Amino acid sequence: MADTLDPKGLIRESYRIDGITPGECRSIFLDWALSVDGDGDTRTQIEGLIKRYGVANPDHPMTAVLHEGLKAAEAPKRRGGSRGRGR
């Protein structure tokens, strides 16, 4: 059965790498983000990964990256053009 939260096992493997850096975790996170189903709710998927891996590893750099990703998923996007400017 396919893992819908971590289809390639990238996040799981990042937690197994000794001495992984925050930069490496961000790179892995980007690879993960490109590999997940675009139809899903990214925020819910990241929350699931935090529950699965981050709770047991609160000081791991990937946990911090996942929390950053969660904040980015919440950020409202500015609309461009005339709709983005106040009237």
N, C-alpha and C. Protein backbone atom coordinates (compact mmCIF):
# COMPACT_ATOMS: atom_id res chain seq x y z
N MET A 1 0.85 -1.20 0.00
CA MET A 1 0.00 0.00 0.00
C MET A 1 0.89 1.25 0.00
N ALA A 2 0.59 2.20 -0.84
CA ALA A 2 1.38 3.42 -0.97
C ALA A 2 1.16 4.32 0.24
N ASP A 3 2.23 4.98 0.65
CA ASP A 3 2.16 5.93 1.75
C ASP A 3 1.80 7.29 1.15
N THR A 4 0.61 7.77 1.40
CA THR A 4 0.17 9.02 0.80
C THR A 4 0.86 10.23 1.43
N LEU A 5 1.30 10.14 2.67
CA LEU A 5 1.99 11.26 3.31
C LEU A 5 3.43 11.39 2.84
N ASP A 6 4.09 10.29 2.61
CA ASP A 6 5.52 10.28 2.27
C ASP A 6 5.75 9.23 1.19
N PRO A 7 5.28 9.51 -0.05
CA PRO A 7 5.29 8.49 -1.10
C PRO A 7 6.66 7.90 -1.42
N LYS A 8 7.71 8.67 -1.34
CA LYS A 8 9.05 8.17 -1.65
C LYS A 8 9.85 7.84 -0.38
N GLY A 9 9.28 8.06 0.79
CA GLY A 9 9.99 7.80 2.04
C GLY A 9 11.07 8.83 2.35
N LEU A 10 11.00 9.99 1.71
CA LEU A 10 12.03 11.01 1.88
C LEU A 10 12.09 11.55 3.30
N ILE A 11 10.94 11.85 3.86
CA ILE A 11 10.91 12.42 5.22
C ILE A 11 11.37 11.36 6.21
N ARG A 12 10.88 10.14 6.07
CA ARG A 12 11.29 9.04 6.95
C ARG A 12 12.81 8.88 6.94
N GLU A 13 13.38 8.86 5.76
CA GLU A 13 14.83 8.67 5.64
C GLU A 13 15.61 9.84 6.22
N SER A 14 15.08 11.04 6.12
CA SER A 14 15.79 12.21 6.67
C SER A 14 15.97 12.08 8.18
N TYR A 15 15.00 11.47 8.84
CA TYR A 15 15.10 11.29 10.29
C TYR A 15 16.13 10.22 10.65
N ARG A 16 16.54 9.43 9.69
CA ARG A 16 17.52 8.36 9.94
C ARG A 16 18.95 8.79 9.65
N ILE A 17 19.15 9.95 9.07
CA ILE A 17 20.48 10.42 8.70
C ILE A 17 21.11 11.14 9.88
N ASP A 18 22.20 10.59 10.39
CA ASP A 18 22.93 11.22 11.49
C ASP A 18 23.61 12.49 11.00
N GLY A 19 23.48 13.55 11.77
CA GLY A 19 24.16 14.80 11.47
C GLY A 19 23.60 15.58 10.30
N ILE A 20 22.37 15.30 9.91
CA ILE A 20 21.75 16.03 8.80
C ILE A 20 21.60 17.50 9.19
N THR A 21 21.82 18.37 8.22
CA THR A 21 21.77 19.81 8.48
C THR A 21 20.39 20.37 8.10
N PRO A 22 20.06 21.55 8.65
CA PRO A 22 18.79 22.18 8.26
C PRO A 22 18.69 22.42 6.75
N GLY A 23 19.79 22.79 6.12
CA GLY A 23 19.79 23.01 4.67
C GLY A 23 19.47 21.74 3.90
N GLU A 24 20.05 20.64 4.34
CA GLU A 24 19.76 19.35 3.71
C GLU A 24 18.30 18.98 3.91
N CYS A 25 17.77 19.27 5.10
CA CYS A 25 16.36 18.98 5.38
C CYS A 25 15.45 19.81 4.49
N ARG A 26 15.80 21.08 4.27
CA ARG A 26 14.98 21.93 3.38
C ARG A 26 14.99 21.37 1.96
N SER A 27 16.15 20.90 1.51
CA SER A 27 16.24 20.31 0.17
C SER A 27 15.38 19.05 0.06
N ILE A 28 15.43 18.21 1.08
CA ILE A 28 14.61 17.00 1.11
C ILE A 28 13.13 17.37 1.14
N PHE A 29 12.79 18.38 1.93
CA PHE A 29 11.40 18.82 2.03
C PHE A 29 10.89 19.28 0.66
N LEU A 30 11.73 20.02 -0.07
CA LEU A 30 11.34 20.47 -1.40
C LEU A 30 11.10 19.28 -2.32
N ASP A 31 11.99 18.30 -2.26
CA ASP A 31 11.80 17.08 -3.05
C ASP A 31 10.49 16.39 -2.67
N TRP A 32 10.20 16.35 -1.36
CA TRP A 32 8.95 15.75 -0.88
C TRP A 32 7.76 16.51 -1.45
N ALA A 33 7.81 17.84 -1.36
CA ALA A 33 6.69 18.67 -1.80
C ALA A 33 6.41 18.48 -3.29
N LEU A 34 7.45 18.23 -4.06
CA LEU A 34 7.27 18.01 -5.49
C LEU A 34 6.74 16.61 -5.80
N SER A 35 6.86 15.70 -4.83
CA SER A 35 6.45 14.31 -5.09
C SER A 35 5.06 13.96 -4.55
N VAL A 36 4.47 14.83 -3.74
CA VAL A 36 3.17 14.51 -3.16
C VAL A 36 2.06 14.83 -4.16
N ASP A 37 0.92 14.22 -3.94
CA ASP A 37 -0.25 14.43 -4.80
C ASP A 37 -0.70 15.88 -4.69
N GLY A 38 -0.74 16.56 -5.80
CA GLY A 38 -1.13 17.96 -5.82
C GLY A 38 -2.58 18.20 -5.47
N ASP A 39 -3.40 17.15 -5.48
CA ASP A 39 -4.82 17.31 -5.16
C ASP A 39 -5.08 17.32 -3.66
N GLY A 40 -4.09 16.93 -2.86
CA GLY A 40 -4.27 16.84 -1.42
C GLY A 40 -4.07 18.18 -0.74
N ASP A 41 -4.44 18.23 0.51
CA ASP A 41 -4.27 19.41 1.34
C ASP A 41 -2.87 19.35 1.95
N THR A 42 -1.97 20.19 1.47
CA THR A 42 -0.59 20.17 1.92
C THR A 42 -0.49 20.39 3.42
N ARG A 43 -1.28 21.29 3.95
CA ARG A 43 -1.26 21.57 5.38
C ARG A 43 -1.57 20.30 6.18
N THR A 44 -2.58 19.58 5.79
CA THR A 44 -2.96 18.35 6.47
C THR A 44 -1.86 17.30 6.35
N GLN A 45 -1.22 17.23 5.18
CA GLN A 45 -0.14 16.27 4.98
C GLN A 45 1.05 16.59 5.88
N ILE A 46 1.41 17.87 5.97
CA ILE A 46 2.53 18.26 6.83
C ILE A 46 2.19 17.98 8.29
N GLU A 47 0.97 18.29 8.70
CA GLU A 47 0.55 17.98 10.07
C GLU A 47 0.68 16.49 10.36
N GLY A 48 0.30 15.66 9.39
CA GLY A 48 0.43 14.21 9.54
C GLY A 48 1.88 13.78 9.70
N LEU A 49 2.78 14.41 8.94
CA LEU A 49 4.20 14.09 9.06
C LEU A 49 4.76 14.51 10.41
N ILE A 50 4.31 15.65 10.91
CA ILE A 50 4.75 16.10 12.24
C ILE A 50 4.28 15.12 13.30
N LYS A 51 3.05 14.66 13.20
CA LYS A 51 2.53 13.68 14.16
C LYS A 51 3.30 12.37 14.06
N ARG A 52 3.61 11.96 12.83
CA ARG A 52 4.28 10.68 12.61
C ARG A 52 5.74 10.70 13.07
N TYR A 53 6.46 11.76 12.73
CA TYR A 53 7.90 11.79 13.00
C TYR A 53 8.33 12.87 13.99
N GLY A 54 7.72 14.03 13.91
CA GLY A 54 8.18 15.18 14.69
C GLY A 54 7.93 15.09 16.17
N VAL A 55 6.82 14.47 16.56
CA VAL A 55 6.50 14.38 17.99
C VAL A 55 7.59 13.60 18.73
N ALA A 56 8.08 12.53 18.13
CA ALA A 56 9.11 11.71 18.76
C ALA A 56 10.51 12.32 18.59
N ASN A 57 10.65 13.29 17.69
CA ASN A 57 11.95 13.90 17.40
C ASN A 57 11.84 15.42 17.36
N PRO A 58 11.48 16.04 18.49
CA PRO A 58 11.22 17.49 18.47
C PRO A 58 12.43 18.35 18.15
N ASP A 59 13.65 17.87 18.41
CA ASP A 59 14.85 18.67 18.19
C ASP A 59 15.52 18.38 16.85
N HIS A 60 14.93 17.53 16.03
CA HIS A 60 15.51 17.18 14.74
C HIS A 60 15.31 18.34 13.76
N PRO A 61 16.32 18.62 12.92
CA PRO A 61 16.16 19.73 11.96
C PRO A 61 14.97 19.56 11.01
N MET A 62 14.61 18.33 10.67
CA MET A 62 13.47 18.14 9.78
C MET A 62 12.18 18.55 10.46
N THR A 63 12.09 18.36 11.76
CA THR A 63 10.89 18.79 12.49
C THR A 63 10.73 20.31 12.36
N ALA A 64 11.84 21.03 12.50
CA ALA A 64 11.79 22.49 12.35
C ALA A 64 11.38 22.88 10.93
N VAL A 65 11.90 22.17 9.93
CA VAL A 65 11.55 22.45 8.54
C VAL A 65 10.07 22.17 8.30
N LEU A 66 9.55 21.09 8.87
CA LEU A 66 8.13 20.78 8.72
C LEU A 66 7.27 21.88 9.33
N HIS A 67 7.68 22.39 10.48
CA HIS A 67 6.93 23.48 11.10
C HIS A 67 7.00 24.75 10.25
N GLU A 68 8.16 25.01 9.63
CA GLU A 68 8.29 26.14 8.72
C GLU A 68 7.34 25.95 7.52
N GLY A 69 7.29 24.74 7.01
CA GLY A 69 6.41 24.44 5.89
C GLY A 69 4.95 24.62 6.25
N LEU A 70 4.63 24.29 7.49
CA LEU A 70 3.26 24.47 7.97
C LEU A 70 2.90 25.96 8.01
N LYS A 71 3.83 26.78 8.46
CA LYS A 71 3.59 28.23 8.49
C LYS A 71 3.44 28.78 7.08
N ALA A 72 4.26 28.29 6.17
CA ALA A 72 4.18 28.75 4.78
C ALA A 72 2.85 28.35 4.15
N ALA A 73 2.32 27.20 4.53
CA ALA A 73 1.03 26.74 4.00
C ALA A 73 -0.11 27.62 4.49
N GLU A 74 0.08 28.27 5.64
CA GLU A 74 -0.95 29.14 6.20
C GLU A 74 -0.93 30.53 5.59
N ALA A 75 0.24 30.97 5.12
CA ALA A 75 0.41 32.35 4.66
C ALA A 75 -0.52 32.67 3.49
N PRO A 76 -1.27 33.76 3.60
CA PRO A 76 -2.13 34.14 2.48
C PRO A 76 -1.28 34.62 1.31
N LYS A 77 -1.77 34.36 0.12
CA LYS A 77 -1.04 34.77 -1.07
C LYS A 77 -1.62 36.08 -1.59
N ARG A 78 -0.73 36.97 -1.96
CA ARG A 78 -1.14 38.25 -2.51
C ARG A 78 -1.61 38.05 -3.94
N ARG A 79 -2.68 38.67 -4.24
CA ARG A 79 -3.18 38.64 -5.62
C ARG A 79 -2.51 39.76 -6.38
N GLY A 80 -2.13 39.51 -7.59
CA GLY A 80 -1.45 40.51 -8.41
C GLY A 80 -2.42 41.37 -9.20
N GLY A 81 -1.85 42.33 -9.88
CA GLY A 81 -2.65 43.19 -10.74
C GLY A 81 -3.56 44.13 -9.99
N SER A 82 -4.60 44.55 -10.66
CA SER A 82 -5.51 45.53 -10.06
C SER A 82 -6.27 44.96 -8.87
N ARG A 83 -6.46 43.65 -8.84
CA ARG A 83 -7.18 43.03 -7.72
C ARG A 83 -6.34 43.05 -6.44
N GLY A 84 -5.03 43.13 -6.59
CA GLY A 84 -4.15 43.13 -5.42
C GLY A 84 -3.98 44.50 -4.81
N ARG A 85 -4.33 45.54 -5.53
CA ARG A 85 -4.18 46.90 -5.01
C ARG A 85 -5.48 47.36 -4.35
N GLY A 86 -5.32 48.08 -3.26
CA GLY A 86 -6.50 48.63 -2.57
C GLY A 86 -7.13 49.75 -3.37
N ARG A 87 -8.40 49.88 -3.20
CA ARG A 87 -9.11 50.93 -3.94
C ARG A 87 -9.67 51.94 -2.99
